[in-house]
């Protein structure tokens, strides 16, 4: 939170236009200035240009960074307005008050659940996704905790969804090595994955910017 508050411009990126990241609220709650990639529904949460700023492309982000670094008073005014909005509407206290108010007034909407028939392909994709997720949690639990209970259940769940996924094989590879070496290799692997995600994201931004 201190870093957000002391930074002159806080950037927020998203890989999906439908995604709203918690970092946006964290920056505003700390009193920092937020410059975020545009996302659907963001205008319903904050006043664009008054409480936060947004960008569509890397070139636009660069231009706005230069602008707000030069216009200190305007940047501080937006940061202050964002902070007041976040404190008023998005603090834990404010959120719980709204929840309790809805419950007390009996205005809770009844949700009708629709029966969905999942095809084999959809089920396979879901199982693969959950298999990878629990395998990743198993790796994190094994590397960061001395208690086997933190990763044994994740391994069991990963096997139940997809016993042949590559992430689960990576877990057994780490487990075969001394934990100190496994941690070093894991950090390098994570850095590679992060770099690949950034490359894919930049490719998408570049294509949208020029075409």
Protein backbone atom coordinates (compact mmCIF):
# COMPACT_ATOMS: atom_id res chain seq x y z
CA UNK A 1 0.00 0.00 0.00
CA UNK A 2 2.89 2.37 0.78
CA UNK A 3 4.37 1.74 -2.68
CA UNK A 4 1.04 2.59 -4.33
CA UNK A 5 0.72 5.78 -2.29
CA UNK A 6 4.25 6.99 -2.97
CA UNK A 7 4.30 6.12 -6.69
CA UNK A 8 3.40 9.05 -8.93
CA UNK A 9 1.67 6.78 -11.46
CA UNK A 10 0.39 3.25 -10.73
CA UNK A 11 -0.17 1.09 -13.83
CA UNK A 12 -2.69 -1.73 -13.95
CA UNK A 13 -2.86 -4.25 -16.82
CA UNK A 14 -5.39 -6.95 -17.65
CA UNK A 15 -5.30 -9.85 -20.09
CA UNK A 16 -9.06 -9.75 -20.59
CA UNK A 17 -11.32 -6.73 -21.23
CA UNK A 18 -13.94 -8.35 -18.97
CA UNK A 19 -11.55 -8.60 -16.04
CA UNK A 20 -11.54 -6.19 -13.10
CA UNK A 21 -8.46 -6.67 -10.93
CA UNK A 22 -8.33 -6.09 -7.19
CA UNK A 23 -5.21 -3.97 -7.71
CA UNK A 24 -7.39 -1.11 -8.95
CA UNK A 25 -9.17 -0.88 -5.61
CA UNK A 26 -5.91 -1.34 -3.67
CA UNK A 27 -4.27 1.58 -5.47
CA UNK A 28 -7.25 3.89 -4.87
CA UNK A 29 -7.64 2.80 -1.25
CA UNK A 30 -4.00 3.75 -0.67
CA UNK A 31 -4.51 7.22 -2.17
CA UNK A 32 -2.40 6.48 -5.24
CA UNK A 33 -3.02 7.66 -8.80
CA UNK A 34 -4.36 4.82 -10.99
CA UNK A 35 -3.78 4.52 -14.73
CA UNK A 36 -5.43 1.26 -15.78
CA UNK A 37 -6.07 -0.61 -18.98
CA UNK A 38 -9.72 -0.19 -19.91
CA UNK A 39 -12.16 -2.94 -18.91
CA UNK A 40 -15.89 -3.52 -19.29
CA UNK A 41 -18.00 -2.01 -16.51
CA UNK A 42 -15.15 0.09 -15.11
CA UNK A 43 -17.12 3.31 -15.72
CA UNK A 44 -19.79 2.03 -13.30
CA UNK A 45 -17.24 1.81 -10.49
CA UNK A 46 -15.20 4.98 -10.97
CA UNK A 47 -15.55 8.26 -12.88
CA UNK A 48 -13.05 8.06 -15.72
CA UNK A 49 -10.82 11.13 -15.88
CA UNK A 50 -11.99 12.32 -12.47
CA UNK A 51 -11.27 9.44 -10.05
CA UNK A 52 -9.02 7.22 -12.21
CA UNK A 53 -7.52 7.31 -15.70
CA UNK A 54 -7.62 4.59 -18.37
CA UNK A 55 -5.77 3.66 -21.55
CA UNK A 56 -6.50 1.42 -24.51
CA UNK A 57 -3.05 0.99 -26.06
CA UNK A 58 0.59 1.16 -24.96
CA UNK A 59 1.07 4.37 -26.94
CA UNK A 60 -1.88 5.99 -25.15
CA UNK A 61 -0.53 4.81 -21.79
CA UNK A 62 2.86 6.37 -22.53
CA UNK A 63 1.25 9.68 -23.53
CA UNK A 64 -0.88 9.80 -20.36
CA UNK A 65 2.07 8.93 -18.14
CA UNK A 66 4.03 11.86 -19.60
CA UNK A 67 1.01 14.16 -19.26
CA UNK A 68 0.29 13.39 -15.61
CA UNK A 69 3.95 13.52 -14.61
CA UNK A 70 3.97 17.09 -15.90
CA UNK A 71 0.55 18.04 -14.44
CA UNK A 72 1.06 17.30 -10.77
CA UNK A 73 -2.01 19.13 -9.41
CA UNK A 74 -4.39 17.39 -11.80
CA UNK A 75 -2.83 14.02 -10.98
CA UNK A 76 -3.16 14.62 -7.23
CA UNK A 77 -6.79 15.76 -7.62
CA UNK A 78 -7.70 12.55 -9.44
CA UNK A 79 -5.84 10.44 -6.86
CA UNK A 80 -7.67 12.19 -4.01
CA UNK A 81 -11.06 11.77 -5.70
CA UNK A 82 -10.32 8.08 -6.32
CA UNK A 83 -9.33 7.64 -2.69
CA UNK A 84 -12.56 9.24 -1.42
CA UNK A 85 -14.66 7.10 -3.77
CA UNK A 86 -12.88 3.91 -2.73
CA UNK A 87 -13.22 4.72 0.98
CA UNK A 88 -16.91 5.54 0.56
CA UNK A 89 -18.01 2.60 -1.59
CA UNK A 90 -15.34 -0.13 -1.62
CA UNK A 91 -13.91 -0.45 1.88
CA UNK A 92 -14.72 -3.67 3.72
CA UNK A 93 -17.01 -1.75 6.08
CA UNK A 94 -18.93 -0.17 3.19
CA UNK A 95 -19.27 -3.48 1.37
CA UNK A 96 -20.57 -5.34 4.43
CA UNK A 97 -23.00 -2.54 5.23
CA UNK A 98 -24.51 -2.88 1.75
CA UNK A 99 -24.76 -6.65 2.10
CA UNK A 100 -26.49 -6.41 5.50
CA UNK A 101 -28.81 -3.67 4.24
CA UNK A 102 -29.95 -5.84 1.34
CA UNK A 103 -30.49 -8.82 3.67
CA UNK A 104 -32.44 -6.73 6.22
CA UNK A 105 -34.74 -5.23 3.59
CA UNK A 106 -35.43 -8.65 2.09
CA UNK A 107 -34.46 -7.49 -1.39
CA UNK A 108 -32.28 -10.48 -2.11
CA UNK A 109 -32.99 -11.67 -5.63
CA UNK A 110 -33.92 -15.29 -6.08
CA UNK A 111 -31.59 -16.98 -8.52
CA UNK A 112 -33.04 -19.58 -10.83
CA UNK A 113 -30.49 -22.20 -11.68
CA UNK A 114 -30.63 -23.54 -15.19
CA UNK A 115 -29.74 -27.11 -15.91
CA UNK A 116 -26.78 -27.17 -18.25
CA UNK A 117 -25.81 -30.23 -20.24
CA UNK A 118 -22.06 -30.22 -20.64
CA UNK A 119 -20.59 -31.86 -23.71
CA UNK A 120 -17.62 -34.21 -23.55
CA UNK A 121 -15.29 -31.57 -24.93
CA UNK A 122 -16.39 -29.01 -22.31
CA UNK A 123 -15.98 -31.53 -19.48
CA UNK A 124 -12.53 -32.48 -20.74
CA UNK A 125 -11.45 -28.82 -20.88
CA UNK A 126 -12.83 -28.18 -17.39
CA UNK A 127 -11.07 -31.23 -15.94
CA UNK A 128 -7.80 -30.23 -17.58
CA UNK A 129 -8.10 -26.68 -16.20
CA UNK A 130 -8.85 -27.88 -12.65
CA UNK A 131 -6.12 -30.51 -12.91
CA UNK A 132 -3.55 -27.83 -13.73
CA UNK A 133 -4.89 -25.54 -11.00
CA UNK A 134 -4.61 -28.13 -8.22
CA UNK A 135 -1.22 -29.30 -9.50
CA UNK A 136 0.08 -25.73 -9.29
CA UNK A 137 -1.26 -25.44 -5.73
CA UNK A 138 0.43 -28.75 -4.88
CA UNK A 139 3.76 -27.41 -6.15
CA UNK A 140 3.38 -24.19 -4.14
CA UNK A 141 2.37 -26.12 -1.02
CA UNK A 142 5.27 -28.56 -1.32
CA UNK A 143 7.91 -25.88 -1.91
CA UNK A 144 6.71 -23.38 0.69
CA UNK A 145 5.46 -25.56 3.55
CA UNK A 146 6.99 -28.23 5.76
CA UNK A 147 3.57 -29.79 6.37
CA UNK A 148 2.66 -32.45 3.79
CA UNK A 149 -1.04 -31.88 4.45
CA UNK A 150 -0.76 -28.62 2.47
CA UNK A 151 -0.01 -30.42 -0.80
CA UNK A 152 -1.27 -34.01 -0.44
CA UNK A 153 -4.94 -33.05 -0.87
CA UNK A 154 -4.10 -30.89 -3.90
CA UNK A 155 -2.30 -33.83 -5.52
CA UNK A 156 -5.32 -36.05 -4.89
CA UNK A 157 -7.66 -33.49 -6.48
CA UNK A 158 -5.32 -32.97 -9.44
CA UNK A 159 -5.28 -36.72 -10.09
CA UNK A 160 -9.07 -36.93 -9.86
CA UNK A 161 -9.47 -34.30 -12.57
CA UNK A 162 -6.59 -35.15 -14.88
CA UNK A 163 -3.85 -37.52 -13.77
CA UNK A 164 -1.73 -37.02 -16.90
CA UNK A 165 -1.40 -33.21 -16.93
CA UNK A 166 2.11 -31.80 -17.34
CA UNK A 167 1.90 -29.64 -14.22
CA UNK A 168 1.41 -32.75 -12.06
CA UNK A 169 4.47 -34.33 -13.71
CA UNK A 170 6.37 -31.14 -12.88
CA UNK A 171 5.31 -31.57 -9.25
CA UNK A 172 6.83 -35.07 -9.12
CA UNK A 173 9.98 -33.73 -10.79
CA UNK A 174 10.34 -31.10 -8.06
CA UNK A 175 9.65 -33.70 -5.37
CA UNK A 176 12.45 -35.88 -6.75
CA UNK A 177 14.97 -33.05 -6.26
CA UNK A 178 16.29 -31.55 -3.01
CA UNK A 179 13.83 -28.83 -2.01
CA UNK A 180 16.44 -26.05 -2.17
CA UNK A 181 17.25 -26.87 -5.80
CA UNK A 182 13.56 -27.35 -6.65
CA UNK A 183 12.82 -23.84 -5.39
CA UNK A 184 15.49 -22.31 -7.61
CA UNK A 185 14.24 -24.17 -10.69
CA UNK A 186 10.64 -23.25 -9.85
CA UNK A 187 11.52 -19.53 -9.74
CA UNK A 188 13.18 -19.75 -13.16
CA UNK A 189 10.20 -21.63 -14.63
CA UNK A 190 7.79 -19.03 -13.23
CA UNK A 191 9.89 -16.22 -14.74
CA UNK A 192 9.71 -17.91 -18.14
CA UNK A 193 5.92 -18.31 -17.89
CA UNK A 194 5.53 -14.64 -16.89
CA UNK A 195 7.71 -13.55 -19.81
CA UNK A 196 5.63 -15.63 -22.25
CA UNK A 197 2.38 -14.12 -20.90
CA UNK A 198 3.79 -10.61 -21.35
CA UNK A 199 4.88 -11.39 -24.91
CA UNK A 200 1.40 -12.67 -25.82
CA UNK A 201 -0.19 -9.61 -24.18
CA UNK A 202 2.13 -7.21 -26.02
CA UNK A 203 1.41 -8.92 -29.33
CA UNK A 204 -2.31 -8.39 -28.77
CA UNK A 205 -1.81 -4.72 -27.85
CA UNK A 206 0.41 -4.08 -30.88
CA UNK A 207 -2.11 -5.66 -33.24
CA UNK A 208 -4.94 -3.55 -31.79
CA UNK A 209 -2.81 -0.40 -32.01
CA UNK A 210 -1.92 -0.70 -35.69
CA UNK A 211 -4.85 -2.56 -37.23
